[in-house]
Amino acid sequence: MKPGIHPNYRYVVFQDTSSGDKFLTRSTIETTETVTWDDGNEYPLAKVEISAFTHPFFTGQMKIVDTAGRVERFERRYGKRRKAAKADAPADAGE
């Protein structure tokens, strides 16, 4: 492999923010936080919203997760919905 062109592949702890479960694996993800693992070593910490611990496919349970406030984020980005303006009623059809 050429030196200097590949990302740093190292052990990283991933934490599921929904359940608090953690697992240790190798990754190239860049993180700013660290955590001490069960073996006493300190590893980078990456927080994820959904993992195998909480994903409906793996748990067999449906769970609605709206941690990011999708509606609020949409409204901030594109503005609040406006109700369709009601068509003005014709003044008088007989005239």
C-alpha atoms as a PDB file:
ATOM      1  CA  MET A   1       0.000   0.000   0.000  1.00  0.00           C
ATOM      2  CA  LYS A   2       1.171   3.505  -0.737  1.00  0.00           C
ATOM      3  CA  PRO A   3       2.014   5.464   2.410  1.00  0.00           C
ATOM      4  CA  GLY A   4       0.125   8.667   3.158  1.00  0.00           C
ATOM      5  CA  ILE A   5      -2.970   8.101   0.989  1.00  0.00           C
ATOM      6  CA  HIS A   6      -5.018   5.766   3.205  1.00  0.00           C
ATOM      7  CA  PRO A   7      -7.146   6.871   6.178  1.00  0.00           C
ATOM      8  CA  ASN A   8      -6.217   5.832   9.713  1.00  0.00           C
ATOM      9  CA  TYR A   9      -7.849   2.412  10.316  1.00  0.00           C
ATOM     10  CA  ARG A  10      -8.134   1.926  14.073  1.00  0.00           C
ATOM     11  CA  TYR A  11     -10.357   0.653  16.870  1.00  0.00           C
ATOM     12  CA  VAL A  12     -13.399   2.863  17.526  1.00  0.00           C
ATOM     13  CA  VAL A  13     -16.252   2.549  20.041  1.00  0.00           C
ATOM     14  CA  PHE A  14     -19.705   3.118  18.541  1.00  0.00           C
ATOM     15  CA  GLN A  15     -22.476   4.146  20.951  1.00  0.00           C
ATOM     16  CA  ASP A  16     -26.175   3.838  20.135  1.00  0.00           C
ATOM     17  CA  THR A  17     -27.721   7.072  21.443  1.00  0.00           C
ATOM     18  CA  SER A  18     -31.212   5.504  21.619  1.00  0.00           C
ATOM     19  CA  SER A  19     -30.294   2.662  23.967  1.00  0.00           C
ATOM     20  CA  GLY A  20     -26.835   3.581  25.269  1.00  0.00           C
ATOM     21  CA  ASP A  21     -25.331   0.273  24.084  1.00  0.00           C
ATOM     22  CA  LYS A  22     -21.714   0.346  22.897  1.00  0.00           C
ATOM     23  CA  PHE A  23     -19.583  -1.893  20.724  1.00  0.00           C
ATOM     24  CA  LEU A  24     -15.926  -1.871  19.721  1.00  0.00           C
ATOM     25  CA  THR A  25     -14.903  -2.343  16.097  1.00  0.00           C
ATOM     26  CA  ARG A  26     -12.383  -1.011  13.614  1.00  0.00           C
ATOM     27  CA  SER A  27     -13.188   2.008  11.465  1.00  0.00           C
ATOM     28  CA  THR A  28     -11.719   5.012   9.656  1.00  0.00           C
ATOM     29  CA  ILE A  29     -14.334   7.452  11.031  1.00  0.00           C
ATOM     30  CA  GLU A  30     -12.972  10.742  12.399  1.00  0.00           C
ATOM     31  CA  THR A  31     -14.184  11.584  15.918  1.00  0.00           C
ATOM     32  CA  THR A  32     -13.498  14.242  18.522  1.00  0.00           C
ATOM     33  CA  GLU A  33     -14.673  12.355  21.623  1.00  0.00           C
ATOM     34  CA  THR A  34     -12.979   9.469  23.412  1.00  0.00           C
ATOM     35  CA  VAL A  35     -14.180   6.859  25.902  1.00  0.00           C
ATOM     36  CA  THR A  36     -12.525   4.286  28.155  1.00  0.00           C
ATOM     37  CA  TRP A  37     -13.503   0.757  27.126  1.00  0.00           C
ATOM     38  CA  ASP A  38     -13.860  -2.305  29.394  1.00  0.00           C
ATOM     39  CA  ASP A  39     -10.241  -3.318  28.781  1.00  0.00           C
ATOM     40  CA  GLY A  40      -9.019  -0.023  30.307  1.00  0.00           C
ATOM     41  CA  ASN A  41      -7.829   1.477  27.014  1.00  0.00           C
ATOM     42  CA  GLU A  42      -9.114   4.767  25.649  1.00  0.00           C
ATOM     43  CA  TYR A  43     -10.690   4.703  22.184  1.00  0.00           C
ATOM     44  CA  PRO A  44     -12.352   7.275  19.903  1.00  0.00           C
ATOM     45  CA  LEU A  45     -16.145   7.455  20.381  1.00  0.00           C
ATOM     46  CA  ALA A  46     -18.642   7.687  17.505  1.00  0.00           C
ATOM     47  CA  LYS A  47     -22.323   8.219  18.374  1.00  0.00           C
ATOM     48  CA  VAL A  48     -24.992   6.756  16.084  1.00  0.00           C
ATOM     49  CA  GLU A  49     -28.796   7.077  16.266  1.00  0.00           C
ATOM     50  CA  ILE A  50     -29.640   3.540  15.170  1.00  0.00           C
ATOM     51  CA  SER A  51     -27.545   0.382  15.393  1.00  0.00           C
ATOM     52  CA  ALA A  52     -28.196  -3.365  15.498  1.00  0.00           C
ATOM     53  CA  PHE A  53     -29.313  -2.875  19.124  1.00  0.00           C
ATOM     54  CA  THR A  54     -32.295  -0.685  18.157  1.00  0.00           C
ATOM     55  CA  HIS A  55     -32.916  -1.299  14.429  1.00  0.00           C
ATOM     56  CA  PRO A  56     -36.347  -2.929  13.864  1.00  0.00           C
ATOM     57  CA  PHE A  57     -34.909  -5.524  11.482  1.00  0.00           C
ATOM     58  CA  PHE A  58     -32.604  -6.911  14.162  1.00  0.00           C
ATOM     59  CA  THR A  59     -34.885  -6.449  17.192  1.00  0.00           C
ATOM     60  CA  GLY A  60     -38.119  -7.606  15.560  1.00  0.00           C
ATOM     61  CA  GLN A  61     -39.967  -4.597  17.018  1.00  0.00           C
ATOM     62  CA  MET A  62     -41.162  -1.495  15.259  1.00  0.00           C
ATOM     63  CA  LYS A  63     -40.066   1.663  17.011  1.00  0.00           C
ATOM     64  CA  ILE A  64     -40.614   5.211  15.850  1.00  0.00           C
ATOM     65  CA  VAL A  65     -37.414   7.194  16.221  1.00  0.00           C
ATOM     66  CA  ASP A  66     -37.577  10.930  15.629  1.00  0.00           C
ATOM     67  CA  THR A  67     -34.460  12.087  17.416  1.00  0.00           C
ATOM     68  CA  ALA A  68     -33.563  14.702  14.843  1.00  0.00           C
ATOM     69  CA  GLY A  69     -36.958  16.446  14.795  1.00  0.00           C
ATOM     70  CA  ARG A  70     -37.453  15.843  11.094  1.00  0.00           C
ATOM     71  CA  VAL A  71     -40.536  18.039  10.776  1.00  0.00           C
ATOM     72  CA  GLU A  72     -38.913  20.959  12.589  1.00  0.00           C
ATOM     73  CA  ARG A  73     -35.758  20.589  10.515  1.00  0.00           C
ATOM     74  CA  PHE A  74     -37.840  20.561   7.314  1.00  0.00           C
ATOM     75  CA  GLU A  75     -39.727  23.689   8.396  1.00  0.00           C
ATOM     76  CA  ARG A  76     -36.503  25.491   9.288  1.00  0.00           C
ATOM     77  CA  ARG A  77     -35.012  24.613   5.925  1.00  0.00           C
ATOM     78  CA  TYR A  78     -38.003  25.259   3.663  1.00  0.00           C
ATOM     79  CA  GLY A  79     -40.331  27.385   5.798  1.00  0.00           C
ATOM     80  CA  LYS A  80     -43.621  26.499   7.374  1.00  0.00           C
ATOM     81  CA  ARG A  81     -46.398  25.124   5.245  1.00  0.00           C
ATOM     82  CA  ARG A  82     -48.986  27.615   4.130  1.00  0.00           C
ATOM     83  CA  LYS A  83     -52.591  26.545   3.853  1.00  0.00           C
ATOM     84  CA  ALA A  84     -53.856  26.811   0.334  1.00  0.00           C
ATOM     85  CA  ALA A  85     -55.513  30.167  -0.123  1.00  0.00           C
ATOM     86  CA  LYS A  86     -59.220  29.680  -0.490  1.00  0.00           C
ATOM     87  CA  ALA A  87     -60.494  30.862  -3.827  1.00  0.00           C
ATOM     88  CA  ASP A  88     -62.519  34.004  -3.491  1.00  0.00           C
ATOM     89  CA  ALA A  89     -66.191  33.235  -3.947  1.00  0.00           C
ATOM     90  CA  PRO A  90     -67.661  34.850  -7.042  1.00  0.00           C
ATOM     91  CA  ALA A  91     -69.371  38.120  -6.117  1.00  0.00           C
ATOM     92  CA  ASP A  92     -72.778  37.505  -7.649  1.00  0.00           C
ATOM     93  CA  ALA A  93     -73.333  35.145 -10.509  1.00  0.00           C
ATOM     94  CA  GLY A  94     -76.614  36.862 -11.456  1.00  0.00           C
ATOM     95  CA  GLU A  95     -75.131  40.205 -12.469  1.00  0.00           C
END
